[in-house]
PDB file of all heavy atoms in Angstrom:
ATOM      1  N   TYR A   1     133.732 130.082 135.876  1.00  0.00           N
ATOM      2  CA  TYR A   1     132.875 131.221 136.179  1.00  0.00           C
ATOM      3  C   TYR A   1     133.684 132.371 136.746  1.00  0.00           C
ATOM      4  O   TYR A   1     133.347 133.522 136.543  1.00  0.00           O
ATOM      5  CB  TYR A   1     131.799 130.830 137.195  1.00  0.00           C
ATOM      6  CG  TYR A   1     130.643 130.062 136.589  1.00  0.00           C
ATOM      7  CD1 TYR A   1     130.359 128.783 137.004  1.00  0.00           C
ATOM      8  CD2 TYR A   1     129.841 130.647 135.626  1.00  0.00           C
ATOM      9  CE1 TYR A   1     129.304 128.080 136.464  1.00  0.00           C
ATOM     10  CE2 TYR A   1     128.786 129.946 135.087  1.00  0.00           C
ATOM     11  CZ  TYR A   1     128.515 128.665 135.505  1.00  0.00           C
ATOM     12  OH  TYR A   1     127.475 127.988 134.974  1.00  0.00           O
ATOM     13  N   GLY A   2     134.680 132.088 137.531  1.00  0.00           N
ATOM     14  CA  GLY A   2     135.439 133.153 138.179  1.00  0.00           C
ATOM     15  C   GLY A   2     134.738 133.605 139.436  1.00  0.00           C
ATOM     16  O   GLY A   2     134.143 132.813 140.165  1.00  0.00           O
ATOM     17  N   ALA A   3     134.759 134.906 139.702  1.00  0.00           N
ATOM     18  CA  ALA A   3     134.186 135.445 140.934  1.00  0.00           C
ATOM     19  C   ALA A   3     132.675 135.529 140.866  1.00  0.00           C
ATOM     20  O   ALA A   3     132.008 135.612 141.891  1.00  0.00           O
ATOM     21  CB  ALA A   3     134.765 136.818 141.228  1.00  0.00           C
ATOM     22  N   LEU A   4     132.086 135.535 139.668  1.00  0.00           N
ATOM     23  CA  LEU A   4     130.643 135.727 139.536  1.00  0.00           C
ATOM     24  C   LEU A   4     129.959 134.411 139.143  1.00  0.00           C
ATOM     25  O   LEU A   4     129.373 134.282 138.085  1.00  0.00           O
ATOM     26  CB  LEU A   4     130.350 136.803 138.488  1.00  0.00           C
ATOM     27  CG  LEU A   4     131.008 138.157 138.776  1.00  0.00           C
ATOM     28  CD1 LEU A   4     130.816 139.090 137.602  1.00  0.00           C
ATOM     29  CD2 LEU A   4     130.424 138.751 140.035  1.00  0.00           C
ATOM     30  N   ALA A   5     130.029 133.441 140.028  1.00  0.00           N
ATOM     31  CA  ALA A   5     129.374 132.167 139.781  1.00  0.00           C
ATOM     32  C   ALA A   5     127.871 132.344 139.883  1.00  0.00           C
ATOM     33  O   ALA A   5     127.380 133.217 140.607  1.00  0.00           O
ATOM     34  CB  ALA A   5     129.839 131.135 140.792  1.00  0.00           C
ATOM     35  N   PRO A   6     127.084 131.538 139.156  1.00  0.00           N
ATOM     36  CA  PRO A   6     125.628 131.708 139.211  1.00  0.00           C
ATOM     37  C   PRO A   6     125.084 131.302 140.576  1.00  0.00           C
ATOM     38  O   PRO A   6     125.621 130.436 141.242  1.00  0.00           O
ATOM     39  CB  PRO A   6     125.125 130.781 138.108  1.00  0.00           C
ATOM     40  CG  PRO A   6     126.181 129.756 137.960  1.00  0.00           C
ATOM     41  CD  PRO A   6     127.482 130.455 138.255  1.00  0.00           C
ATOM     42  N   PHE A   7     123.999 131.982 140.949  1.00  0.00           N
ATOM     43  CA  PHE A   7     123.363 131.714 142.238  1.00  0.00           C
ATOM     44  C   PHE A   7     122.550 130.430 142.129  1.00  0.00           C
ATOM     45  O   PHE A   7     121.781 130.252 141.194  1.00  0.00           O
ATOM     46  CB  PHE A   7     122.456 132.892 142.612  1.00  0.00           C
ATOM     47  CG  PHE A   7     121.619 132.624 143.816  1.00  0.00           C
ATOM     48  CD1 PHE A   7     122.195 132.584 145.077  1.00  0.00           C
ATOM     49  CD2 PHE A   7     120.260 132.388 143.709  1.00  0.00           C
ATOM     50  CE1 PHE A   7     121.425 132.328 146.192  1.00  0.00           C
ATOM     51  CE2 PHE A   7     119.489 132.137 144.815  1.00  0.00           C
ATOM     52  CZ  PHE A   7     120.077 132.106 146.062  1.00  0.00           C
ATOM     53  N   LYS A   8     122.737 129.557 143.107  1.00  0.00           N
ATOM     54  CA  LYS A   8     121.960 128.320 143.130  1.00  0.00           C
ATOM     55  C   LYS A   8     121.041 128.395 144.341  1.00  0.00           C
ATOM     56  O   LYS A   8     121.501 128.322 145.475  1.00  0.00           O
ATOM     57  CB  LYS A   8     122.883 127.112 143.238  1.00  0.00           C
ATOM     58  CG  LYS A   8     122.144 125.786 143.194  1.00  0.00           C
ATOM     59  CD  LYS A   8     123.102 124.628 143.213  1.00  0.00           C
ATOM     60  CE  LYS A   8     122.329 123.326 143.163  1.00  0.00           C
ATOM     61  NZ  LYS A   8     123.204 122.171 143.292  1.00  0.00           N
ATOM     62  N   PRO A   9     119.740 128.571 144.113  1.00  0.00           N
ATOM     63  CA  PRO A   9     118.843 128.695 145.272  1.00  0.00           C
ATOM     64  C   PRO A   9     118.747 127.375 146.033  1.00  0.00           C
ATOM     65  O   PRO A   9     118.836 126.301 145.452  1.00  0.00           O
ATOM     66  CB  PRO A   9     117.509 129.081 144.647  1.00  0.00           C
ATOM     67  CG  PRO A   9     117.580 128.562 143.264  1.00  0.00           C
ATOM     68  CD  PRO A   9     119.032 128.629 142.851  1.00  0.00           C
ATOM     69  N   SER A  10     118.584 127.495 147.321  1.00  0.00           N
ATOM     70  CA  SER A  10     118.432 126.294 148.152  1.00  0.00           C
ATOM     71  C   SER A  10     117.026 125.737 147.991  1.00  0.00           C
ATOM     72  O   SER A  10     116.113 126.433 147.545  1.00  0.00           O
ATOM     73  CB  SER A  10     118.707 126.628 149.612  1.00  0.00           C
ATOM     74  OG  SER A  10     117.787 127.602 150.054  1.00  0.00           O
ATOM     75  N   GLU A  11     116.873 124.512 148.360  1.00  0.00           N
ATOM     76  CA  GLU A  11     115.564 123.883 148.262  1.00  0.00           C
ATOM     77  C   GLU A  11     114.625 124.496 149.293  1.00  0.00           C
ATOM     78  O   GLU A  11     115.063 124.926 150.363  1.00  0.00           O
ATOM     79  CB  GLU A  11     115.694 122.385 148.512  1.00  0.00           C
ATOM     80  CG  GLU A  11     116.481 121.664 147.453  1.00  0.00           C
ATOM     81  CD  GLU A  11     116.532 120.171 147.695  1.00  0.00           C
ATOM     82  OE1 GLU A  11     115.756 119.674 148.532  1.00  0.00           O
ATOM     83  OE2 GLU A  11     117.354 119.511 147.045  1.00  0.00           O
ATOM     84  N   PRO A  12     113.325 124.579 148.971  1.00  0.00           N
ATOM     85  CA  PRO A  12     112.402 125.191 149.933  1.00  0.00           C
ATOM     86  C   PRO A  12     112.356 124.382 151.240  1.00  0.00           C
ATOM     87  O   PRO A  12     112.363 123.160 151.226  1.00  0.00           O
ATOM     88  CB  PRO A  12     111.049 125.174 149.219  1.00  0.00           C
ATOM     89  CG  PRO A  12     111.205 124.278 148.052  1.00  0.00           C
ATOM     90  CD  PRO A  12     112.660 124.177 147.751  1.00  0.00           C
ATOM     91  N   SER A  13     112.315 125.110 152.337  1.00  0.00           N
ATOM     92  CA  SER A  13     112.338 124.442 153.640  1.00  0.00           C
ATOM     93  C   SER A  13     110.940 124.005 154.055  1.00  0.00           C
ATOM     94  O   SER A  13     109.957 124.223 153.347  1.00  0.00           O
ATOM     95  CB  SER A  13     112.934 125.386 154.680  1.00  0.00           C
ATOM     96  OG  SER A  13     112.131 126.535 154.786  1.00  0.00           O
ATOM     97  N   ALA A  14     110.846 123.429 155.242  1.00  0.00           N
ATOM     98  CA  ALA A  14     109.578 122.864 155.698  1.00  0.00           C
ATOM     99  C   ALA A  14     108.563 123.940 156.034  1.00  0.00           C
ATOM    100  O   ALA A  14     107.357 123.697 155.984  1.00  0.00           O
ATOM    101  CB  ALA A  14     109.815 121.994 156.916  1.00  0.00           C
ATOM    102  N   ASN A  15     109.010 125.142 156.377  1.00  0.00           N
ATOM    103  CA  ASN A  15     108.031 126.174 156.737  1.00  0.00           C
ATOM    104  C   ASN A  15     107.356 126.788 155.519  1.00  0.00           C
ATOM    105  O   ASN A  15     106.428 127.570 155.655  1.00  0.00           O
ATOM    106  CB  ASN A  15     108.685 127.266 157.584  1.00  0.00           C
ATOM    107  CG  ASN A  15     109.758 128.025 156.828  1.00  0.00           C
ATOM    108  OD1 ASN A  15     110.097 127.643 155.708  1.00  0.00           O
ATOM    109  ND2 ASN A  15     110.278 129.062 157.439  1.00  0.00           N
ATOM    110  N   MET A  16     107.789 126.427 154.313  1.00  0.00           N
ATOM    111  CA  MET A  16     107.148 126.953 153.106  1.00  0.00           C
ATOM    112  C   MET A  16     105.747 126.394 152.926  1.00  0.00           C
ATOM    113  O   MET A  16     104.940 126.972 152.210  1.00  0.00           O
ATOM    114  CB  MET A  16     107.998 126.597 151.865  1.00  0.00           C
ATOM    115  CG  MET A  16     109.317 127.328 151.807  1.00  0.00           C
ATOM    116  SD  MET A  16     109.109 129.086 151.559  1.00  0.00           S
ATOM    117  CE  MET A  16     108.571 129.126 149.878  1.00  0.00           C
ATOM    118  N   ARG A  17     105.442 125.298 153.565  1.00  0.00           N
ATOM    119  CA  ARG A  17     104.122 124.713 153.391  1.00  0.00           C
ATOM    120  C   ARG A  17     103.031 125.567 154.032  1.00  0.00           C
ATOM    121  O   ARG A  17     101.861 125.390 153.764  1.00  0.00           O
ATOM    122  CB  ARG A  17     104.096 123.296 153.942  1.00  0.00           C
ATOM    123  CG  ARG A  17     104.240 123.205 155.429  1.00  0.00           C
ATOM    124  CD  ARG A  17     104.069 121.769 155.884  1.00  0.00           C
ATOM    125  NE  ARG A  17     104.317 121.676 157.312  1.00  0.00           N
ATOM    126  CZ  ARG A  17     105.385 121.137 157.853  1.00  0.00           C
ATOM    127  NH1 ARG A  17     106.316 120.636 157.086  1.00  0.00           N
ATOM    128  NH2 ARG A  17     105.533 121.101 159.149  1.00  0.00           N
ATOM    129  N   HIS A  18     103.415 126.499 154.889  1.00  0.00           N
ATOM    130  CA  HIS A  18     102.429 127.364 155.540  1.00  0.00           C
ATOM    131  C   HIS A  18     102.131 128.624 154.719  1.00  0.00           C
ATOM    132  O   HIS A  18     101.196 129.338 155.038  1.00  0.00           O
ATOM    133  CB  HIS A  18     102.932 127.766 156.929  1.00  0.00           C
ATOM    134  CG  HIS A  18     103.201 126.608 157.826  1.00  0.00           C
ATOM    135  ND1 HIS A  18     102.210 125.756 158.285  1.00  0.00           N
ATOM    136  CD2 HIS A  18     104.362 126.118 158.339  1.00  0.00           C
ATOM    137  CE1 HIS A  18     102.733 124.830 159.052  1.00  0.00           C
ATOM    138  NE2 HIS A  18     104.056 125.007 159.094  1.00  0.00           N
ATOM    139  N   LEU A  19     102.938 128.873 153.706  1.00  0.00           N
ATOM    140  CA  LEU A  19     102.746 130.084 152.901  1.00  0.00           C
ATOM    141  C   LEU A  19     101.900 129.764 151.669  1.00  0.00           C
ATOM    142  O   LEU A  19     102.083 128.737 151.022  1.00  0.00           O
ATOM    143  CB  LEU A  19     104.098 130.644 152.470  1.00  0.00           C
ATOM    144  CG  LEU A  19     105.049 131.012 153.622  1.00  0.00           C
ATOM    145  CD1 LEU A  19     106.386 131.463 153.063  1.00  0.00           C
ATOM    146  CD2 LEU A  19     104.450 132.110 154.475  1.00  0.00           C
ATOM    147  N   ARG A  20     100.988 130.665 151.344  1.00  0.00           N
ATOM    148  CA  ARG A  20     100.161 130.484 150.154  1.00  0.00           C
ATOM    149  C   ARG A  20     100.854 131.117 148.961  1.00  0.00           C
ATOM    150  O   ARG A  20     101.542 132.121 149.090  1.00  0.00           O
ATOM    151  CB  ARG A  20      98.810 131.169 150.337  1.00  0.00           C
ATOM    152  CG  ARG A  20      97.926 130.506 151.321  1.00  0.00           C
ATOM    153  CD  ARG A  20      96.550 131.136 151.254  1.00  0.00           C
ATOM    154  NE  ARG A  20      95.873 130.918 152.519  1.00  0.00           N
ATOM    155  CZ  ARG A  20      94.982 131.716 153.037  1.00  0.00           C
ATOM    156  NH1 ARG A  20      94.652 132.820 152.389  1.00  0.00           N
ATOM    157  NH2 ARG A  20      94.407 131.437 154.163  1.00  0.00           N
ATOM    158  N   LYS A  21     100.639 130.519 147.834  1.00  0.00           N
ATOM    159  CA  LYS A  21     101.189 131.101 146.626  1.00  0.00           C
ATOM    160  C   LYS A  21     100.337 132.325 146.270  1.00  0.00           C
ATOM    161  O   LYS A  21      99.110 132.298 146.428  1.00  0.00           O
ATOM    162  CB  LYS A  21     101.157 130.100 145.475  1.00  0.00           C
ATOM    163  CG  LYS A  21     102.142 128.968 145.688  1.00  0.00           C
ATOM    164  CD  LYS A  21     102.153 128.069 144.469  1.00  0.00           C
ATOM    165  CE  LYS A  21     103.147 126.949 144.708  1.00  0.00           C
ATOM    166  NZ  LYS A  21     103.200 126.042 143.573  1.00  0.00           N
ATOM    167  N   PRO A  22     100.985 133.381 145.838  1.00  0.00           N
ATOM    168  CA  PRO A  22     100.193 134.590 145.513  1.00  0.00           C
ATOM    169  C   PRO A  22      99.298 134.352 144.293  1.00  0.00           C
ATOM    170  O   PRO A  22      99.658 133.644 143.360  1.00  0.00           O
ATOM    171  CB  PRO A  22     101.250 135.634 145.238  1.00  0.00           C
ATOM    172  CG  PRO A  22     102.469 134.885 144.859  1.00  0.00           C
ATOM    173  CD  PRO A  22     102.381 133.573 145.602  1.00  0.00           C
ATOM    174  N   ILE A  23      98.138 134.939 144.377  1.00  0.00           N
ATOM    175  CA  ILE A  23      97.194 134.858 143.241  1.00  0.00           C
ATOM    176  C   ILE A  23      97.446 136.080 142.361  1.00  0.00           C
ATOM    177  O   ILE A  23      97.311 137.242 142.794  1.00  0.00           O
ATOM    178  CB  ILE A  23      95.735 134.862 143.752  1.00  0.00           C
ATOM    179  CG1 ILE A  23      95.512 133.652 144.669  1.00  0.00           C
ATOM    180  CG2 ILE A  23      94.775 134.855 142.581  1.00  0.00           C
ATOM    181  CD1 ILE A  23      94.178 133.682 145.380  1.00  0.00           C
ATOM    182  N   VAL A  24      97.856 135.810 141.148  1.00  0.00           N
ATOM    183  CA  VAL A  24      98.182 136.897 140.218  1.00  0.00           C
ATOM    184  C   VAL A  24      96.869 137.399 139.602  1.00  0.00           C
ATOM    185  O   VAL A  24      96.133 136.635 138.964  1.00  0.00           O
ATOM    186  CB  VAL A  24      99.149 136.413 139.141  1.00  0.00           C
ATOM    187  CG1 VAL A  24      99.478 137.563 138.172  1.00  0.00           C
ATOM    188  CG2 VAL A  24     100.405 135.853 139.768  1.00  0.00           C
ATOM    189  N   LYS A  25      96.598 138.680 139.818  1.00  0.00           N
ATOM    190  CA  LYS A  25      95.372 139.249 139.260  1.00  0.00           C
ATOM    191  C   LYS A  25      95.626 139.637 137.791  1.00  0.00           C
ATOM    192  O   LYS A  25      96.665 140.174 137.466  1.00  0.00           O
ATOM    193  CB  LYS A  25      94.959 140.494 140.040  1.00  0.00           C
ATOM    194  CG  LYS A  25      94.554 140.167 141.454  1.00  0.00           C
ATOM    195  CD  LYS A  25      94.127 141.417 142.185  1.00  0.00           C
ATOM    196  CE  LYS A  25      93.746 141.087 143.614  1.00  0.00           C
ATOM    197  NZ  LYS A  25      93.397 142.295 144.366  1.00  0.00           N
ATOM    198  N   PRO A  26      94.661 139.332 136.969  1.00  0.00           N
ATOM    199  CA  PRO A  26      94.868 139.715 135.552  1.00  0.00           C
ATOM    200  C   PRO A  26      94.842 141.233 135.400  1.00  0.00           C
ATOM    201  O   PRO A  26      94.130 141.945 136.120  1.00  0.00           O
ATOM    202  CB  PRO A  26      93.716 139.060 134.833  1.00  0.00           C
ATOM    203  CG  PRO A  26      92.696 138.796 135.885  1.00  0.00           C
ATOM    204  CD  PRO A  26      93.434 138.650 137.184  1.00  0.00           C
ATOM    205  N   ILE A  27      95.650 141.700 134.480  1.00  0.00           N
ATOM    206  CA  ILE A  27      95.720 143.128 134.236  1.00  0.00           C
ATOM    207  C   ILE A  27      94.605 143.509 133.247  1.00  0.00           C
ATOM    208  O   ILE A  27      94.494 142.943 132.170  1.00  0.00           O
ATOM    209  CB  ILE A  27      97.094 143.514 133.665  1.00  0.00           C
ATOM    210  CG1 ILE A  27      98.172 143.122 134.658  1.00  0.00           C
ATOM    211  CG2 ILE A  27      97.166 144.986 133.333  1.00  0.00           C
ATOM    212  CD1 ILE A  27      99.577 143.279 134.138  1.00  0.00           C
ATOM    213  N   GLU A  28      93.799 144.476 133.665  1.00  0.00           N
ATOM    214  CA  GLU A  28      92.695 144.912 132.809  1.00  0.00           C
ATOM    215  C   GLU A  28      93.110 146.215 132.142  1.00  0.00           C
ATOM    216  O   GLU A  28      93.516 147.176 132.781  1.00  0.00           O
ATOM    217  CB  GLU A  28      91.439 145.135 133.656  1.00  0.00           C
ATOM    218  CG  GLU A  28      90.911 143.871 134.230  1.00  0.00           C
ATOM    219  CD  GLU A  28      89.679 144.110 135.085  1.00  0.00           C
ATOM    220  OE1 GLU A  28      89.089 145.202 135.022  1.00  0.00           O
ATOM    221  OE2 GLU A  28      89.301 143.183 135.829  1.00  0.00           O
ATOM    222  N   ILE A  29      92.930 146.225 130.862  1.00  0.00           N
ATOM    223  CA  ILE A  29      93.280 147.434 130.109  1.00  0.00           C
ATOM    224  C   ILE A  29      92.043 148.156 129.678  1.00  0.00           C
ATOM    225  O   ILE A  29      91.073 147.686 129.227  1.00  0.00           O
ATOM    226  CB  ILE A  29      94.167 147.093 128.900  1.00  0.00           C
ATOM    227  CG1 ILE A  29      95.416 146.423 129.379  1.00  0.00           C
ATOM    228  CG2 ILE A  29      94.460 148.336 128.110  1.00  0.00           C
ATOM    229  CD1 ILE A  29      96.352 146.021 128.295  1.00  0.00           C
TER     230      ILE A  29
END
């Protein structure tokens, strides 16, 4: 890869259980 190795996200921590997943509103045309 060289200097630009791909980003590897860390696993979600324990405080993620308190956050709600966003509700995606449908786009109305």
